[in-house]
Amino acid sequence: MLCIGETMAMVTSTDAGPVATAETFTISAGGAESNLAQYLAELGVPTAWISALGADPLGDRVLAAISASGVDTRWVARDPGANTAVYVKDPGARVYYYYRRGSAASRLGPMHVSGWPVATARWVHVSGITPALSETCRALVPRSKPPSRRGPRSKPPSRRSPPRRASRS
């Protein structure tokens, strides 16, 4: 199983109040594709997470956390010219603040797919967030499908002759 998409450094207040007055925080990894990859790895399913992270300390943390859960991360690119995306959970206000514009993962595109094991994957998971990150991310999605799954998912009904009526003898 290949899971392709952005994972962010998730900053969460350890207090129940708003971020504006919180004094302590935790930093962990958060993203639909890496979450799925981690759950599947826990179940014993061979899983790889594919993305890009900034070549920064937050990227180091995210990569270490996902790798430690048994997910294959060898295809995660590190981009020294972009940051790892961040989101902040504000439990006091019950909102999330996303800082992902120009993130390393938003720079992924079709040119990266050729280095990924898409051709040998039985399943590929990409959420709806990935194509929404950027035009290049949108363009990589069709190329991320395993070869046996490219093209239409269903076929229109074939044109058949009307059923024959039984003749009366």
Protein backbone atom coordinates (compact mmCIF):
# COMPACT_ATOMS: atom_id res chain seq x y z
CA MET A 1 0.00 0.00 0.00
CA LEU A 2 1.34 3.42 -0.93
CA CYS A 3 -0.06 6.46 0.87
CA ILE A 4 0.81 9.70 -0.90
CA GLY A 5 0.24 13.12 0.62
CA GLU A 6 1.24 15.88 2.99
CA THR A 7 1.83 15.37 6.68
CA MET A 8 2.27 18.39 8.88
CA ALA A 9 3.85 19.11 12.22
CA MET A 10 0.80 19.33 14.48
CA VAL A 11 1.16 21.75 17.38
CA THR A 12 -1.33 21.20 20.18
CA SER A 13 -1.76 23.04 23.45
CA THR A 14 -1.56 20.75 26.47
CA ASP A 15 -3.94 23.13 28.25
CA ALA A 16 -7.67 23.06 27.64
CA GLY A 17 -7.68 26.81 27.05
CA PRO A 18 -6.96 28.83 23.94
CA VAL A 19 -3.57 28.87 22.24
CA ALA A 20 -3.20 32.58 22.98
CA THR A 21 -2.84 31.89 26.70
CA ALA A 22 -1.37 28.36 26.63
CA GLU A 23 2.12 27.86 27.99
CA THR A 24 2.97 24.31 26.93
CA PHE A 25 2.53 22.49 23.64
CA THR A 26 3.19 19.12 22.05
CA ILE A 27 4.43 18.58 18.49
CA SER A 28 3.43 15.46 16.61
CA ALA A 29 2.78 14.33 13.03
CA GLY A 30 -0.65 14.79 11.49
CA GLY A 31 -1.92 13.95 8.03
CA ALA A 32 -4.56 11.65 6.52
CA GLU A 33 -2.17 9.62 4.38
CA SER A 34 0.47 9.06 7.05
CA ASN A 35 -2.24 8.29 9.64
CA LEU A 36 -3.62 5.57 7.37
CA ALA A 37 -0.12 4.25 6.69
CA GLN A 38 0.59 4.02 10.43
CA TYR A 39 -2.68 2.20 11.16
CA LEU A 40 -2.06 -0.29 8.35
CA ALA A 41 1.52 -0.88 9.53
CA GLU A 42 0.17 -1.63 13.03
CA LEU A 43 -2.05 -4.29 11.41
CA GLY A 44 0.96 -5.82 9.65
CA VAL A 45 0.22 -4.47 6.16
CA PRO A 46 3.42 -3.48 4.30
CA THR A 47 2.93 0.25 3.81
CA ALA A 48 4.92 3.18 2.48
CA TRP A 49 4.21 6.86 2.95
CA ILE A 50 5.37 9.15 0.13
CA SER A 51 5.62 12.91 0.52
CA ALA A 52 8.06 15.78 0.92
CA LEU A 53 9.18 17.56 4.07
CA GLY A 54 11.32 20.56 4.63
CA ALA A 55 14.95 19.88 5.50
CA ASP A 56 14.21 21.35 8.92
CA PRO A 57 13.79 20.15 12.53
CA LEU A 58 10.01 19.78 12.18
CA GLY A 59 10.53 17.59 9.13
CA ASP A 60 13.01 15.53 11.15
CA ARG A 61 10.38 15.01 13.87
CA VAL A 62 7.63 14.07 11.44
CA LEU A 63 9.85 11.62 9.55
CA ALA A 64 11.15 10.00 12.75
CA ALA A 65 7.64 9.53 14.16
CA ILE A 66 6.26 7.91 11.02
CA SER A 67 9.33 5.74 10.48
CA ALA A 68 9.18 4.57 14.11
CA SER A 69 5.67 3.23 13.53
CA GLY A 70 6.93 0.75 10.92
CA VAL A 71 6.03 2.71 7.80
CA ASP A 72 8.52 2.67 4.91
CA THR A 73 9.57 6.29 4.38
CA ARG A 74 12.38 5.84 1.88
CA TRP A 75 10.55 7.86 -0.81
CA VAL A 76 9.98 10.93 1.36
CA ALA A 77 11.90 13.82 -0.21
CA ARG A 78 13.57 16.48 1.92
CA ASP A 79 13.41 19.96 0.39
CA PRO A 80 15.94 22.49 1.70
CA GLY A 81 14.10 25.30 -0.11
CA ALA A 82 10.72 24.79 1.59
CA ASN A 83 9.36 24.34 5.08
CA THR A 84 7.51 21.45 6.62
CA ALA A 85 3.85 22.46 6.87
CA VAL A 86 2.45 23.18 10.33
CA TYR A 87 -0.97 23.23 11.82
CA VAL A 88 -1.99 24.42 15.23
CA LYS A 89 -4.96 22.96 17.09
CA ASP A 90 -6.62 25.52 19.31
CA PRO A 91 -8.78 23.52 21.72
CA GLY A 92 -10.02 26.66 23.48
CA ALA A 93 -11.45 28.13 20.28
CA ARG A 94 -12.11 24.74 18.61
CA VAL A 95 -10.36 25.82 15.43
CA TYR A 96 -7.28 24.79 13.45
CA TYR A 97 -4.70 27.15 11.95
CA TYR A 98 -2.94 25.82 8.85
CA TYR A 99 0.45 27.04 7.65
CA ARG A 100 1.01 25.03 4.51
CA ARG A 101 1.31 27.50 1.60
CA GLY A 102 4.60 26.83 -0.21
CA SER A 103 5.33 23.76 1.92
CA ALA A 104 7.67 21.05 0.70
CA ALA A 105 4.75 18.72 -0.02
CA SER A 106 2.93 21.39 -2.03
CA ARG A 107 5.88 21.36 -4.43
CA LEU A 108 5.41 17.69 -5.33
CA GLY A 109 4.39 17.06 -8.90
CA PRO A 110 4.33 14.59 -11.80
CA MET A 111 8.10 14.80 -12.15
CA HIS A 112 8.47 12.98 -8.81
CA VAL A 113 6.24 10.00 -9.63
CA SER A 114 8.79 8.20 -11.83
CA GLY A 115 10.93 7.51 -8.75
CA TRP A 116 8.05 5.99 -6.77
CA PRO A 117 7.06 2.29 -6.83
CA VAL A 118 3.61 3.01 -8.28
CA ALA A 119 3.94 0.34 -10.99
CA THR A 120 4.32 -2.43 -8.40
CA ALA A 121 1.79 -1.16 -5.87
CA ARG A 122 -1.38 -3.09 -5.34
CA TRP A 123 -3.11 -0.07 -3.78
CA VAL A 124 -2.43 3.67 -3.73
CA HIS A 125 -4.20 6.01 -1.31
CA VAL A 126 -4.40 9.75 -1.98
CA SER A 127 -6.88 11.96 -0.15
CA GLY A 128 -8.72 14.94 -1.62
CA ILE A 129 -6.34 17.29 0.17
CA THR A 130 -3.33 16.39 -2.00
CA PRO A 131 -4.71 17.76 -5.30
CA ALA A 132 -5.92 20.86 -3.45
CA LEU A 133 -2.40 21.78 -2.27
CA SER A 134 -1.18 23.07 -5.64
CA GLU A 135 -1.50 22.68 -9.41
CA THR A 136 1.55 20.39 -9.45
CA CYS A 137 0.02 18.18 -6.75
CA ARG A 138 -3.21 18.04 -8.75
CA ALA A 139 -1.22 16.92 -11.80
CA LEU A 140 0.58 14.14 -9.92
CA VAL A 141 -2.61 12.36 -8.83
CA PRO A 142 -3.52 10.73 -12.21
CA ARG A 143 0.08 9.55 -12.59
CA SER A 144 0.06 8.00 -9.13
CA LYS A 145 -2.40 5.27 -10.02
CA PRO A 146 -1.06 1.74 -10.47
CA PRO A 147 -0.97 0.86 -14.21
CA SER A 148 -3.75 -1.72 -13.88
CA ARG A 149 -6.05 0.96 -12.45
CA ARG A 150 -5.48 3.76 -14.94
CA GLY A 151 -8.43 4.68 -17.03
CA PRO A 152 -12.10 4.43 -16.19
CA ARG A 153 -13.13 2.63 -13.01
CA SER A 154 -16.29 1.29 -14.58
CA LYS A 155 -17.43 0.54 -18.08
CA PRO A 156 -20.72 1.59 -19.61
CA PRO A 157 -23.18 -1.24 -20.23
CA SER A 158 -22.62 -2.98 -23.53
CA ARG A 159 -25.16 -2.61 -26.29
CA ARG A 160 -27.00 -5.84 -26.58
CA SER A 161 -29.83 -7.02 -28.75
CA PRO A 162 -33.14 -7.05 -26.97
CA PRO A 163 -33.90 -10.41 -25.35
CA ARG A 164 -35.61 -12.90 -27.63
CA ARG A 165 -39.16 -13.80 -26.84
CA ALA A 166 -39.97 -17.42 -26.45
CA SER A 167 -41.93 -18.76 -29.39
CA ARG A 168 -45.21 -20.52 -28.79
CA SER A 169 -45.56 -23.92 -30.34
